[in-house]
Amino acid sequence: MQTQMTHSDARQAPPLLPPVDISEDAAAITITADLPGVEKHAVSIKVDGRTLTIEAPLVLGEANALVSVYAEIKANSYRRVFELSGELDTTSIDAGLIDGVLTLRIPKLERAKPRRIEVKAG
């Protein structure tokens, strides 16, 4: 049996979900996403209300003269969507891409940050 993937198959394939790690500290949450082969100018990060969307083209590095006979990854893009808490400041997101790892730091609003309450005597 021979399987052949055409360029039209790749365009119709759903986007690949990049693996992510999410961590939280007192000041912010940090999302790291693996986007191997993606250049920083190609990454699209959008916030619409509380929805955060990360998109980027998926480049497999295949030589132009070769035709795929079989491919397990048929997607031609990465896409990941997150529903964010209303306690996050989506106007101050910091993003960086180093060696195919996208890091987003989303600060918490002041009202959501832990604070110390002083106890007064008297």
PDB file of N, CA and C in Angstrom:
ATOM      1  N   MET A   1       0.841  -1.177   0.000  1.00  0.00           N
ATOM      2  CA  MET A   1       0.000   0.000   0.000  1.00  0.00           C
ATOM      3  C   MET A   1       0.886   1.240   0.000  1.00  0.00           C
ATOM      4  N   GLN A   2       0.559   2.175  -0.810  1.00  0.00           N
ATOM      5  CA  GLN A   2       1.349   3.392  -0.911  1.00  0.00           C
ATOM      6  C   GLN A   2       0.450   4.587  -0.602  1.00  0.00           C
ATOM      7  N   THR A   3       0.917   5.436   0.284  1.00  0.00           N
ATOM      8  CA  THR A   3       0.155   6.630   0.660  1.00  0.00           C
ATOM      9  C   THR A   3       0.933   7.842   0.201  1.00  0.00           C
ATOM     10  N   GLN A   4       0.243   8.759  -0.428  1.00  0.00           N
ATOM     11  CA  GLN A   4       0.918   9.962  -0.885  1.00  0.00           C
ATOM     12  C   GLN A   4       0.130  11.169  -0.404  1.00  0.00           C
ATOM     13  N   MET A   5       0.846  12.132   0.159  1.00  0.00           N
ATOM     14  CA  MET A   5       0.220  13.355   0.636  1.00  0.00           C
ATOM     15  C   MET A   5       0.476  14.457  -0.384  1.00  0.00           C
ATOM     16  N   THR A   6      -0.568  15.139  -0.775  1.00  0.00           N
ATOM     17  CA  THR A   6      -0.400  16.254  -1.700  1.00  0.00           C
ATOM     18  C   THR A   6      -0.416  17.552  -0.913  1.00  0.00           C
ATOM     19  N   HIS A   7      -0.041  18.637  -1.585  1.00  0.00           N
ATOM     20  CA  HIS A   7      -0.040  19.941  -0.926  1.00  0.00           C
ATOM     21  C   HIS A   7      -1.443  20.333  -0.488  1.00  0.00           C
ATOM     22  N   SER A   8      -2.486  19.921  -1.242  1.00  0.00           N
ATOM     23  CA  SER A   8      -3.849  20.269  -0.865  1.00  0.00           C
ATOM     24  C   SER A   8      -4.244  19.551   0.428  1.00  0.00           C
ATOM     25  N   ASP A   9      -3.722  18.331   0.673  1.00  0.00           N
ATOM     26  CA  ASP A   9      -3.995  17.626   1.927  1.00  0.00           C
ATOM     27  C   ASP A   9      -3.475  18.429   3.109  1.00  0.00           C
ATOM     28  N   ALA A  10      -2.275  19.000   2.999  1.00  0.00           N
ATOM     29  CA  ALA A  10      -1.670  19.757   4.091  1.00  0.00           C
ATOM     30  C   ALA A  10      -2.466  21.021   4.373  1.00  0.00           C
ATOM     31  N   ARG A  11      -2.987  21.676   3.331  1.00  0.00           N
ATOM     32  CA  ARG A  11      -3.760  22.898   3.537  1.00  0.00           C
ATOM     33  C   ARG A  11      -5.071  22.602   4.255  1.00  0.00           C
ATOM     34  N   GLN A  12      -5.640  21.427   4.074  1.00  0.00           N
ATOM     35  CA  GLN A  12      -6.916  21.082   4.671  1.00  0.00           C
ATOM     36  C   GLN A  12      -6.763  20.470   6.059  1.00  0.00           C
ATOM     37  N   ALA A  13      -5.576  20.104   6.437  1.00  0.00           N
ATOM     38  CA  ALA A  13      -5.356  19.467   7.735  1.00  0.00           C
ATOM     39  C   ALA A  13      -5.553  20.489   8.850  1.00  0.00           C
ATOM     40  N   PRO A  14      -6.107  20.046   9.983  1.00  0.00           N
ATOM     41  CA  PRO A  14      -6.251  20.975  11.105  1.00  0.00           C
ATOM     42  C   PRO A  14      -4.888  21.377  11.649  1.00  0.00           C
ATOM     43  N   PRO A  15      -4.810  22.555  12.293  1.00  0.00           N
ATOM     44  CA  PRO A  15      -3.516  22.994  12.831  1.00  0.00           C
ATOM     45  C   PRO A  15      -3.038  22.074  13.945  1.00  0.00           C
ATOM     46  N   LEU A  16      -1.735  22.046  14.119  1.00  0.00           N
ATOM     47  CA  LEU A  16      -1.103  21.250  15.164  1.00  0.00           C
ATOM     48  C   LEU A  16      -1.149  22.017  16.477  1.00  0.00           C
ATOM     49  N   LEU A  17      -1.522  21.350  17.565  1.00  0.00           N
ATOM     50  CA  LEU A  17      -1.517  21.972  18.890  1.00  0.00           C
ATOM     51  C   LEU A  17      -0.117  21.884  19.464  1.00  0.00           C
ATOM     52  N   PRO A  18       0.567  23.026  19.623  1.00  0.00           N
ATOM     53  CA  PRO A  18       1.912  22.950  20.195  1.00  0.00           C
ATOM     54  C   PRO A  18       1.829  22.608  21.679  1.00  0.00           C
ATOM     55  N   PRO A  19       2.764  21.818  22.185  1.00  0.00           N
ATOM     56  CA  PRO A  19       2.768  21.532  23.626  1.00  0.00           C
ATOM     57  C   PRO A  19       3.080  22.798  24.416  1.00  0.00           C
ATOM     58  N   VAL A  20       2.404  22.968  25.546  1.00  0.00           N
ATOM     59  CA  VAL A  20       2.599  24.157  26.374  1.00  0.00           C
ATOM     60  C   VAL A  20       2.796  23.771  27.835  1.00  0.00           C
ATOM     61  N   ASP A  21       3.452  24.650  28.561  1.00  0.00           N
ATOM     62  CA  ASP A  21       3.548  24.590  30.020  1.00  0.00           C
ATOM     63  C   ASP A  21       3.002  25.912  30.528  1.00  0.00           C
ATOM     64  N   ILE A  22       2.236  25.859  31.606  1.00  0.00           N
ATOM     65  CA  ILE A  22       1.683  27.067  32.206  1.00  0.00           C
ATOM     66  C   ILE A  22       2.069  27.072  33.670  1.00  0.00           C
ATOM     67  N   SER A  23       2.672  28.183  34.110  1.00  0.00           N
ATOM     68  CA  SER A  23       3.053  28.318  35.511  1.00  0.00           C
ATOM     69  C   SER A  23       2.517  29.646  36.032  1.00  0.00           C
ATOM     70  N   GLU A  24       2.422  29.729  37.353  1.00  0.00           N
ATOM     71  CA  GLU A  24       1.874  30.926  37.981  1.00  0.00           C
ATOM     72  C   GLU A  24       2.715  31.310  39.176  1.00  0.00           C
ATOM     73  N   ASP A  25       2.917  32.608  39.338  1.00  0.00           N
ATOM     74  CA  ASP A  25       3.527  33.124  40.563  1.00  0.00           C
ATOM     75  C   ASP A  25       2.626  34.240  41.077  1.00  0.00           C
ATOM     76  N   ALA A  26       3.055  34.945  42.081  1.00  0.00           N
ATOM     77  CA  ALA A  26       2.205  35.969  42.696  1.00  0.00           C
ATOM     78  C   ALA A  26       1.884  37.116  41.742  1.00  0.00           C
ATOM     79  N   ALA A  27       2.746  37.377  40.764  1.00  0.00           N
ATOM     80  CA  ALA A  27       2.573  38.546  39.906  1.00  0.00           C
ATOM     81  C   ALA A  27       1.979  38.250  38.532  1.00  0.00           C
ATOM     82  N   ALA A  28       2.094  37.004  38.043  1.00  0.00           N
ATOM     83  CA  ALA A  28       1.696  36.733  36.657  1.00  0.00           C
ATOM     84  C   ALA A  28       1.563  35.243  36.395  1.00  0.00           C
ATOM     85  N   ILE A  29       1.035  34.922  35.204  1.00  0.00           N
ATOM     86  CA  ILE A  29       1.131  33.556  34.710  1.00  0.00           C
ATOM     87  C   ILE A  29       2.094  33.578  33.528  1.00  0.00           C
ATOM     88  N   THR A  30       2.772  32.456  33.322  1.00  0.00           N
ATOM     89  CA  THR A  30       3.706  32.323  32.205  1.00  0.00           C
ATOM     90  C   THR A  30       3.296  31.114  31.384  1.00  0.00           C
ATOM     91  N   ILE A  31       3.170  31.325  30.088  1.00  0.00           N
ATOM     92  CA  ILE A  31       2.855  30.247  29.152  1.00  0.00           C
ATOM     93  C   ILE A  31       4.075  30.057  28.266  1.00  0.00           C
ATOM     94  N   THR A  32       4.586  28.832  28.193  1.00  0.00           N
ATOM     95  CA  THR A  32       5.660  28.523  27.250  1.00  0.00           C
ATOM     96  C   THR A  32       5.112  27.498  26.253  1.00  0.00           C
ATOM     97  N   ALA A  33       5.352  27.756  24.983  1.00  0.00           N
ATOM     98  CA  ALA A  33       4.864  26.892  23.912  1.00  0.00           C
ATOM     99  C   ALA A  33       6.020  26.507  23.005  1.00  0.00           C
ATOM    100  N   ASP A  34       6.101  25.232  22.660  1.00  0.00           N
ATOM    101  CA  ASP A  34       7.142  24.751  21.750  1.00  0.00           C
ATOM    102  C   ASP A  34       6.692  24.968  20.311  1.00  0.00           C
ATOM    103  N   LEU A  35       7.435  25.798  19.593  1.00  0.00           N
ATOM    104  CA  LEU A  35       7.153  26.100  18.191  1.00  0.00           C
ATOM    105  C   LEU A  35       8.424  25.909  17.367  1.00  0.00           C
ATOM    106  N   PRO A  36       8.924  24.676  17.249  1.00  0.00           N
ATOM    107  CA  PRO A  36      10.186  24.467  16.543  1.00  0.00           C
ATOM    108  C   PRO A  36      10.123  24.934  15.098  1.00  0.00           C
ATOM    109  N   GLY A  37      11.199  25.600  14.678  1.00  0.00           N
ATOM    110  CA  GLY A  37      11.323  26.053  13.303  1.00  0.00           C
ATOM    111  C   GLY A  37      10.625  27.366  12.999  1.00  0.00           C
ATOM    112  N   VAL A  38       9.942  27.952  13.969  1.00  0.00           N
ATOM    113  CA  VAL A  38       9.202  29.188  13.736  1.00  0.00           C
ATOM    114  C   VAL A  38      10.092  30.390  14.037  1.00  0.00           C
ATOM    115  N   GLU A  39      10.042  31.382  13.154  1.00  0.00           N
ATOM    116  CA  GLU A  39      10.773  32.616  13.373  1.00  0.00           C
ATOM    117  C   GLU A  39       9.846  33.622  14.046  1.00  0.00           C
ATOM    118  N   LYS A  40      10.440  34.553  14.823  1.00  0.00           N
ATOM    119  CA  LYS A  40       9.619  35.453  15.641  1.00  0.00           C
ATOM    120  C   LYS A  40       8.670  36.315  14.815  1.00  0.00           C
ATOM    121  N   HIS A  41       9.057  36.715  13.618  1.00  0.00           N
ATOM    122  CA  HIS A  41       8.181  37.553  12.792  1.00  0.00           C
ATOM    123  C   HIS A  41       6.956  36.791  12.281  1.00  0.00           C
ATOM    124  N   ALA A  42       6.991  35.458  12.334  1.00  0.00           N
ATOM    125  CA  ALA A  42       5.891  34.646  11.821  1.00  0.00           C
ATOM    126  C   ALA A  42       4.847  34.300  12.888  1.00  0.00           C
ATOM    127  N   VAL A  43       5.148  34.568  14.150  1.00  0.00           N
ATOM    128  CA  VAL A  43       4.221  34.238  15.230  1.00  0.00           C
ATOM    129  C   VAL A  43       3.146  35.313  15.332  1.00  0.00           C
ATOM    130  N   SER A  44       1.897  34.879  15.440  1.00  0.00           N
ATOM    131  CA  SER A  44       0.780  35.795  15.628  1.00  0.00           C
ATOM    132  C   SER A  44       0.160  35.512  16.996  1.00  0.00           C
ATOM    133  N   ILE A  45       0.109  36.545  17.834  1.00  0.00           N
ATOM    134  CA  ILE A  45      -0.506  36.430  19.159  1.00  0.00           C
ATOM    135  C   ILE A  45      -1.621  37.464  19.207  1.00  0.00           C
ATOM    136  N   LYS A  46      -2.841  36.996  19.429  1.00  0.00           N
ATOM    137  CA  LYS A  46      -3.997  37.888  19.438  1.00  0.00           C
ATOM    138  C   LYS A  46      -4.787  37.702  20.726  1.00  0.00           C
ATOM    139  N   VAL A  47      -5.306  38.820  21.233  1.00  0.00           N
ATOM    140  CA  VAL A  47      -6.201  38.789  22.382  1.00  0.00           C
ATOM    141  C   VAL A  47      -7.507  39.437  21.947  1.00  0.00           C
ATOM    142  N   ASP A  48      -8.596  38.696  22.123  1.00  0.00           N
ATOM    143  CA  ASP A  48      -9.920  39.207  21.812  1.00  0.00           C
ATOM    144  C   ASP A  48     -10.784  38.966  23.043  1.00  0.00           C
ATOM    145  N   GLY A  49     -11.025  40.014  23.807  1.00  0.00           N
ATOM    146  CA  GLY A  49     -11.712  39.840  25.081  1.00  0.00           C
ATOM    147  C   GLY A  49     -10.821  39.047  26.015  1.00  0.00           C
ATOM    148  N   ARG A  50     -11.284  37.877  26.429  1.00  0.00           N
ATOM    149  CA  ARG A  50     -10.490  37.012  27.306  1.00  0.00           C
ATOM    150  C   ARG A  50      -9.889  35.825  26.550  1.00  0.00           C
ATOM    151  N   THR A  51      -9.988  35.826  25.222  1.00  0.00           N
ATOM    152  CA  THR A  51      -9.458  34.724  24.419  1.00  0.00           C
ATOM    153  C   THR A  51      -8.092  35.084  23.853  1.00  0.00           C
ATOM    154  N   LEU A  52      -7.097  34.255  24.162  1.00  0.00           N
ATOM    155  CA  LEU A  52      -5.734  34.414  23.663  1.00  0.00           C
ATOM    156  C   LEU A  52      -5.503  33.356  22.596  1.00  0.00           C
ATOM    157  N   THR A  53      -5.057  33.780  21.412  1.00  0.00           N
ATOM    158  CA  THR A  53      -4.793  32.854  20.318  1.00  0.00           C
ATOM    159  C   THR A  53      -3.345  32.996  19.871  1.00  0.00           C
ATOM    160  N   ILE A  54      -2.660  31.857  19.777  1.00  0.00           N
ATOM    161  CA  ILE A  54      -1.283  31.798  19.276  1.00  0.00           C
ATOM    162  C   ILE A  54      -1.332  31.037  17.955  1.00  0.00           C
ATOM    163  N   GLU A  55      -0.773  31.634  16.886  1.00  0.00           N
ATOM    164  CA  GLU A  55      -0.724  30.982  15.586  1.00  0.00           C
ATOM    165  C   GLU A  55       0.647  31.192  14.955  1.00  0.00           C
ATOM    166  N   ALA A  56       1.097  30.197  14.205  1.00  0.00           N
ATOM    167  CA  ALA A  56       2.374  30.292  13.498  1.00  0.00           C
ATOM    168  C   ALA A  56       2.403  29.231  12.402  1.00  0.00           C
ATOM    169  N   PRO A  57       3.122  29.508  11.311  1.00  0.00           N
ATOM    170  CA  PRO A  57       3.242  28.485  10.268  1.00  0.00           C
ATOM    171  C   PRO A  57       4.129  27.336  10.742  1.00  0.00           C
ATOM    172  N   LEU A  58       3.809  26.145  10.307  1.00  0.00           N
ATOM    173  CA  LEU A  58       4.601  24.952  10.624  1.00  0.00           C
ATOM    174  C   LEU A  58       5.476  24.647   9.423  1.00  0.00           C
ATOM    175  N   VAL A  59       6.785  24.765   9.606  1.00  0.00           N
ATOM    176  CA  VAL A  59       7.740  24.517   8.534  1.00  0.00           C
ATOM    177  C   VAL A  59       8.514  23.255   8.892  1.00  0.00           C
ATOM    178  N   LEU A  60       8.375  22.228   8.070  1.00  0.00           N
ATOM    179  CA  LEU A  60       9.011  20.950   8.373  1.00  0.00           C
ATOM    180  C   LEU A  60      10.434  20.841   7.858  1.00  0.00           C
ATOM    181  N   GLY A  61      10.878  21.783   7.050  1.00  0.00           N
ATOM    182  CA  GLY A  61      12.254  21.750   6.564  1.00  0.00           C
ATOM    183  C   GLY A  61      12.489  20.721   5.487  1.00  0.00           C
ATOM    184  N   GLU A  62      11.444  20.308   4.818  1.00  0.00           N
ATOM    185  CA  GLU A  62      11.539  19.311   3.757  1.00  0.00           C
ATOM    186  C   GLU A  62      12.158  19.928   2.502  1.00  0.00           C
ATOM    187  N   ALA A  63      13.034  19.210   1.847  1.00  0.00           N
ATOM    188  CA  ALA A  63      13.662  19.700   0.624  1.00  0.00           C
ATOM    189  C   ALA A  63      12.602  19.872  -0.471  1.00  0.00           C
ATOM    190  N   ASN A  64      12.712  20.933  -1.256  1.00  0.00           N
ATOM    191  CA  ASN A  64      11.713  21.229  -2.288  1.00  0.00           C
ATOM    192  C   ASN A  64      11.598  20.140  -3.346  1.00  0.00           C
ATOM    193  N   ALA A  65      12.679  19.462  -3.665  1.00  0.00           N
ATOM    194  CA  ALA A  65      12.660  18.458  -4.729  1.00  0.00           C
ATOM    195  C   ALA A  65      12.042  17.136  -4.273  1.00  0.00           C
ATOM    196  N   LEU A  66      11.835  16.967  -2.975  1.00  0.00           N
ATOM    197  CA  LEU A  66      11.283  15.713  -2.463  1.00  0.00           C
ATOM    198  C   LEU A  66       9.765  15.776  -2.373  1.00  0.00           C
ATOM    199  N   VAL A  67       9.132  14.630  -2.607  1.00  0.00           N
ATOM    200  CA  VAL A  67       7.689  14.505  -2.472  1.00  0.00           C
ATOM    201  C   VAL A  67       7.425  13.524  -1.333  1.00  0.00           C
ATOM    202  N   SER A  68       6.585  13.931  -0.392  1.00  0.00           N
ATOM    203  CA  SER A  68       6.280  13.044   0.739  1.00  0.00           C
ATOM    204  C   SER A  68       5.504  11.838   0.262  1.00  0.00           C
ATOM    205  N   VAL A  69       5.945  10.674   0.688  1.00  0.00           N
ATOM    206  CA  VAL A  69       5.228   9.446   0.425  1.00  0.00           C
ATOM    207  C   VAL A  69       4.317   9.139   1.602  1.00  0.00           C
ATOM    208  N   TYR A  70       4.794   9.453   2.789  1.00  0.00           N
ATOM    209  CA  TYR A  70       4.016   9.264   4.011  1.00  0.00           C
ATOM    210  C   TYR A  70       4.434  10.329   5.012  1.00  0.00           C
ATOM    211  N   ALA A  71       3.461  10.930   5.668  1.00  0.00           N
ATOM    212  CA  ALA A  71       3.765  11.944   6.676  1.00  0.00           C
ATOM    213  C   ALA A  71       2.767  11.823   7.819  1.00  0.00           C
ATOM    214  N   GLU A  72       3.259  11.740   9.042  1.00  0.00           N
ATOM    215  CA  GLU A  72       2.375  11.695  10.201  1.00  0.00           C
ATOM    216  C   GLU A  72       1.906  13.084  10.598  1.00  0.00           C
ATOM    217  N   ILE A  73       2.705  14.107  10.300  1.00  0.00           N
ATOM    218  CA  ILE A  73       2.303  15.480  10.575  1.00  0.00           C
ATOM    219  C   ILE A  73       1.846  16.086   9.258  1.00  0.00           C
ATOM    220  N   LYS A  74       0.545  16.335   9.158  1.00  0.00           N
ATOM    221  CA  LYS A  74      -0.011  16.880   7.927  1.00  0.00           C
ATOM    222  C   LYS A  74      -0.377  18.347   8.067  1.00  0.00           C
ATOM    223  N   ALA A  75      -0.279  18.872   9.265  1.00  0.00           N
ATOM    224  CA  ALA A  75      -0.645  20.273   9.500  1.00  0.00           C
ATOM    225  C   ALA A  75       0.364  21.203   8.855  1.00  0.00           C
ATOM    226  N   ASN A  76      -0.103  22.385   8.490  1.00  0.00           N
ATOM    227  CA  ASN A  76       0.820  23.384   7.956  1.00  0.00           C
ATOM    228  C   ASN A  76       0.895  24.605   8.867  1.00  0.00           C
ATOM    229  N   SER A  77       0.312  24.479  10.074  1.00  0.00           N
ATOM    230  CA  SER A  77       0.380  25.596  11.018  1.00  0.00           C
ATOM    231  C   SER A  77       0.206  25.085  12.448  1.00  0.00           C
ATOM    232  N   TYR A  78       0.662  25.932  13.383  1.00  0.00           N
ATOM    233  CA  TYR A  78       0.419  25.714  14.802  1.00  0.00           C
ATOM    234  C   TYR A  78      -0.734  26.631  15.202  1.00  0.00           C
ATOM    235  N   ARG A  79      -1.561  26.181  16.139  1.00  0.00           N
ATOM    236  CA  ARG A  79      -2.617  27.060  16.664  1.00  0.00           C
ATOM    237  C   ARG A  79      -3.013  26.560  18.048  1.00  0.00           C
ATOM    238  N   ARG A  80      -3.073  27.500  18.985  1.00  0.00           N
ATOM    239  CA  ARG A  80      -3.486  27.169  20.348  1.00  0.00           C
ATOM    240  C   ARG A  80      -4.329  28.323  20.864  1.00  0.00           C
ATOM    241  N   VAL A  81      -5.453  28.020  21.501  1.00  0.00           N
ATOM    242  CA  VAL A  81      -6.372  29.034  22.006  1.00  0.00           C
ATOM    243  C   VAL A  81      -6.578  28.808  23.498  1.00  0.00           C
ATOM    244  N   PHE A  82      -6.528  29.908  24.256  1.00  0.00           N
ATOM    245  CA  PHE A  82      -6.710  29.856  25.704  1.00  0.00           C
ATOM    246  C   PHE A  82      -7.799  30.837  26.122  1.00  0.00           C
ATOM    247  N   GLU A  83      -8.597  30.456  27.091  1.00  0.00           N
ATOM    248  CA  GLU A  83      -9.556  31.365  27.712  1.00  0.00           C
ATOM    249  C   GLU A  83      -8.893  31.884  28.980  1.00  0.00           C
ATOM    250  N   LEU A  84      -8.671  33.186  29.055  1.00  0.00           N
ATOM    251  CA  LEU A  84      -7.930  33.781  30.166  1.00  0.00           C
ATOM    252  C   LEU A  84      -8.868  34.245  31.272  1.00  0.00           C
ATOM    253  N   SER A  85      -8.346  34.244  32.476  1.00  0.00           N
ATOM    254  CA  SER A  85      -9.062  34.743  33.639  1.00  0.00           C
ATOM    255  C   SER A  85      -9.248  36.250  33.528  1.00  0.00           C
ATOM    256  N   GLY A  86     -10.330  36.746  34.078  1.00  0.00           N
ATOM    257  CA  GLY A  86     -10.562  38.179  34.122  1.00  0.00           C
ATOM    258  C   GLY A  86      -9.624  38.898  35.068  1.00  0.00           C
ATOM    259  N   GLU A  87      -8.812  38.150  35.813  1.00  0.00           N
ATOM    260  CA  GLU A  87      -7.858  38.735  36.756  1.00  0.00           C
ATOM    261  C   GLU A  87      -6.493  39.001  36.123  1.00  0.00           C
ATOM    262  N   LEU A  88      -6.387  38.790  34.804  1.00  0.00           N
ATOM    263  CA  LEU A  88      -5.119  39.017  34.110  1.00  0.00           C
ATOM    264  C   LEU A  88      -5.174  40.302  33.307  1.00  0.00           C
ATOM    265  N   ASP A  89      -4.036  40.997  33.224  1.00  0.00           N
ATOM    266  CA  ASP A  89      -3.920  42.251  32.482  1.00  0.00           C
ATOM    267  C   ASP A  89      -3.481  41.935  31.055  1.00  0.00           C
ATOM    268  N   THR A  90      -4.436  41.763  30.166  1.00  0.00           N
ATOM    269  CA  THR A  90      -4.115  41.376  28.786  1.00  0.00           C
ATOM    270  C   THR A  90      -3.533  42.534  27.968  1.00  0.00           C
ATOM    271  N   THR A  91      -3.506  43.728  28.530  1.00  0.00           N
ATOM    272  CA  THR A  91      -2.905  44.863  27.812  1.00  0.00           C
ATOM    273  C   THR A  91      -1.400  44.939  28.021  1.00  0.00           C
ATOM    274  N   SER A  92      -0.864  44.114  28.936  1.00  0.00           N
ATOM    275  CA  SER A  92       0.568  44.185  29.267  1.00  0.00           C
ATOM    276  C   SER A  92       1.283  42.851  29.076  1.00  0.00           C
ATOM    277  N   ILE A  93       0.895  42.080  28.069  1.00  0.00           N
ATOM    278  CA  ILE A  93       1.516  40.779  27.823  1.00  0.00           C
ATOM    279  C   ILE A  93       2.912  40.984  27.250  1.00  0.00           C
ATOM    280  N   ASP A  94       3.883  40.260  27.797  1.00  0.00           N
ATOM    281  CA  ASP A  94       5.261  40.292  27.320  1.00  0.00           C
ATOM    282  C   ASP A  94       5.528  38.974  26.596  1.00  0.00           C
ATOM    283  N   ALA A  95       6.026  39.025  25.356  1.00  0.00           N
ATOM    284  CA  ALA A  95       6.254  37.818  24.569  1.00  0.00           C
ATOM    285  C   ALA A  95       7.679  37.779  24.042  1.00  0.00           C
ATOM    286  N   GLY A  96       8.266  36.580  24.031  1.00  0.00           N
ATOM    287  CA  GLY A  96       9.606  36.376  23.483  1.00  0.00           C
ATOM    288  C   GLY A  96       9.717  34.993  22.874  1.00  0.00           C
ATOM    289  N   LEU A  97      10.553  34.862  21.862  1.00  0.00           N
ATOM    290  CA  LEU A  97      10.776  33.578  21.200  1.00  0.00           C
ATOM    291  C   LEU A  97      12.272  33.331  21.119  1.00  0.00           C
ATOM    292  N   ILE A  98      12.723  32.255  21.774  1.00  0.00           N
ATOM    293  CA  ILE A  98      14.130  31.885  21.749  1.00  0.00           C
ATOM    294  C   ILE A  98      14.233  30.402  21.430  1.00  0.00           C
ATOM    295  N   ASP A  99      14.982  30.075  20.378  1.00  0.00           N
ATOM    296  CA  ASP A  99      15.228  28.684  19.980  1.00  0.00           C
ATOM    297  C   ASP A  99      13.938  27.871  19.857  1.00  0.00           C
ATOM    298  N   GLY A 100      12.907  28.473  19.260  1.00  0.00           N
ATOM    299  CA  GLY A 100      11.657  27.753  19.025  1.00  0.00           C
ATOM    300  C   GLY A 100      10.746  27.631  20.232  1.00  0.00           C
ATOM    301  N   VAL A 101      11.059  28.319  21.314  1.00  0.00           N
ATOM    302  CA  VAL A 101      10.212  28.287  22.509  1.00  0.00           C
ATOM    303  C   VAL A 101       9.633  29.685  22.721  1.00  0.00           C
ATOM    304  N   LEU A 102       8.312  29.780  22.602  1.00  0.00           N
ATOM    305  CA  LEU A 102       7.611  31.035  22.815  1.00  0.00           C
ATOM    306  C   LEU A 102       7.268  31.159  24.296  1.00  0.00           C
ATOM    307  N   THR A 103       7.593  32.299  24.896  1.00  0.00           N
ATOM    308  CA  THR A 103       7.279  32.552  26.298  1.00  0.00           C
ATOM    309  C   THR A 103       6.397  33.790  26.389  1.00  0.00           C
ATOM    310  N   LEU A 104       5.222  33.621  26.981  1.00  0.00           N
ATOM    311  CA  LEU A 104       4.307  34.728  27.221  1.00  0.00           C
ATOM    312  C   LEU A 104       4.177  34.919  28.724  1.00  0.00           C
ATOM    313  N   ARG A 105       4.355  36.139  29.179  1.00  0.00           N
ATOM    314  CA  ARG A 105       4.160  36.461  30.603  1.00  0.00           C
ATOM    315  C   ARG A 105       2.987  37.429  30.671  1.00  0.00           C
ATOM    316  N   ILE A 106       1.939  37.003  31.355  1.00  0.00           N
ATOM    317  CA  ILE A 106       0.718  37.795  31.445  1.00  0.00           C
ATOM    318  C   ILE A 106       0.547  38.223  32.898  1.00  0.00           C
ATOM    319  N   PRO A 107       0.728  39.517  33.172  1.00  0.00           N
ATOM    320  CA  PRO A 107       0.657  39.975  34.562  1.00  0.00           C
ATOM    321  C   PRO A 107      -0.771  39.935  35.110  1.00  0.00           C
ATOM    322  N   LYS A 108      -0.857  39.783  36.418  1.00  0.00           N
ATOM    323  CA  LYS A 108      -2.153  39.843  37.090  1.00  0.00           C
ATOM    324  C   LYS A 108      -2.506  41.305  37.329  1.00  0.00           C
ATOM    325  N   LEU A 109      -3.788  41.598  37.346  1.00  0.00           N
ATOM    326  CA  LEU A 109      -4.236  42.935  37.722  1.00  0.00           C
ATOM    327  C   LEU A 109      -3.894  43.164  39.182  1.00  0.00           C
ATOM    328  N   GLU A 110      -3.699  44.400  39.564  1.00  0.00           N
ATOM    329  CA  GLU A 110      -3.316  44.714  40.949  1.00  0.00           C
ATOM    330  C   GLU A 110      -4.294  44.109  41.953  1.00  0.00           C
ATOM    331  N   ARG A 111      -5.585  44.146  41.633  1.00  0.00           N
ATOM    332  CA  ARG A 111      -6.577  43.623  42.582  1.00  0.00           C
ATOM    333  C   ARG A 111      -6.467  42.109  42.778  1.00  0.00           C
ATOM    334  N   ALA A 112      -5.822  41.422  41.844  1.00  0.00           N
ATOM    335  CA  ALA A 112      -5.704  39.966  41.929  1.00  0.00           C
ATOM    336  C   ALA A 112      -4.406  39.514  42.590  1.00  0.00           C
ATOM    337  N   LYS A 113      -3.480  40.443  42.778  1.00  0.00           N
ATOM    338  CA  LYS A 113      -2.195  40.084  43.387  1.00  0.00           C
ATOM    339  C   LYS A 113      -2.363  39.938  44.897  1.00  0.00           C
ATOM    340  N   PRO A 114      -1.644  38.985  45.477  1.00  0.00           N
ATOM    341  CA  PRO A 114      -1.708  38.861  46.931  1.00  0.00           C
ATOM    342  C   PRO A 114      -1.164  40.127  47.588  1.00  0.00           C
ATOM    343  N   ARG A 115      -1.747  40.494  48.686  1.00  0.00           N
ATOM    344  CA  ARG A 115      -1.262  41.676  49.405  1.00  0.00           C
ATOM    345  C   ARG A 115      -1.315  41.415  50.890  1.00  0.00           C
ATOM    346  N   ARG A 116      -0.493  42.137  51.590  1.00  0.00           N
ATOM    347  CA  ARG A 116      -0.416  41.982  53.046  1.00  0.00           C
ATOM    348  C   ARG A 116      -1.292  43.050  53.688  1.00  0.00           C
ATOM    349  N   ILE A 117      -2.083  42.635  54.625  1.00  0.00           N
ATOM    350  CA  ILE A 117      -2.964  43.549  55.352  1.00  0.00           C
ATOM    351  C   ILE A 117      -2.338  43.844  56.710  1.00  0.00           C
ATOM    352  N   GLU A 118      -2.133  45.089  56.985  1.00  0.00           N
ATOM    353  CA  GLU A 118      -1.535  45.483  58.261  1.00  0.00           C
ATOM    354  C   GLU A 118      -2.615  45.505  59.344  1.00  0.00           C
ATOM    355  N   VAL A 119      -2.287  44.912  60.461  1.00  0.00           N
ATOM    356  CA  VAL A 119      -3.194  44.890  61.603  1.00  0.00           C
ATOM    357  C   VAL A 119      -2.844  46.062  62.503  1.00  0.00           C
ATOM    358  N   LYS A 120      -3.845  46.874  62.818  1.00  0.00           N
ATOM    359  CA  LYS A 120      -3.616  48.046  63.668  1.00  0.00           C
ATOM    360  C   LYS A 120      -4.139  47.766  65.075  1.00  0.00           C
ATOM    361  N   ALA A 121      -3.435  48.278  66.038  1.00  0.00           N
ATOM    362  CA  ALA A 121      -3.850  48.116  67.430  1.00  0.00           C
ATOM    363  C   ALA A 121      -4.733  49.292  67.826  1.00  0.00           C
ATOM    364  N   GLY A 122      -5.690  48.999  68.684  1.00  0.00           N
ATOM    365  CA  GLY A 122      -6.456  50.094  69.272  1.00  0.00           C
ATOM    366  C   GLY A 122      -7.788  50.189  68.761  1.00  0.00           C
TER     367      GLY A 122
END
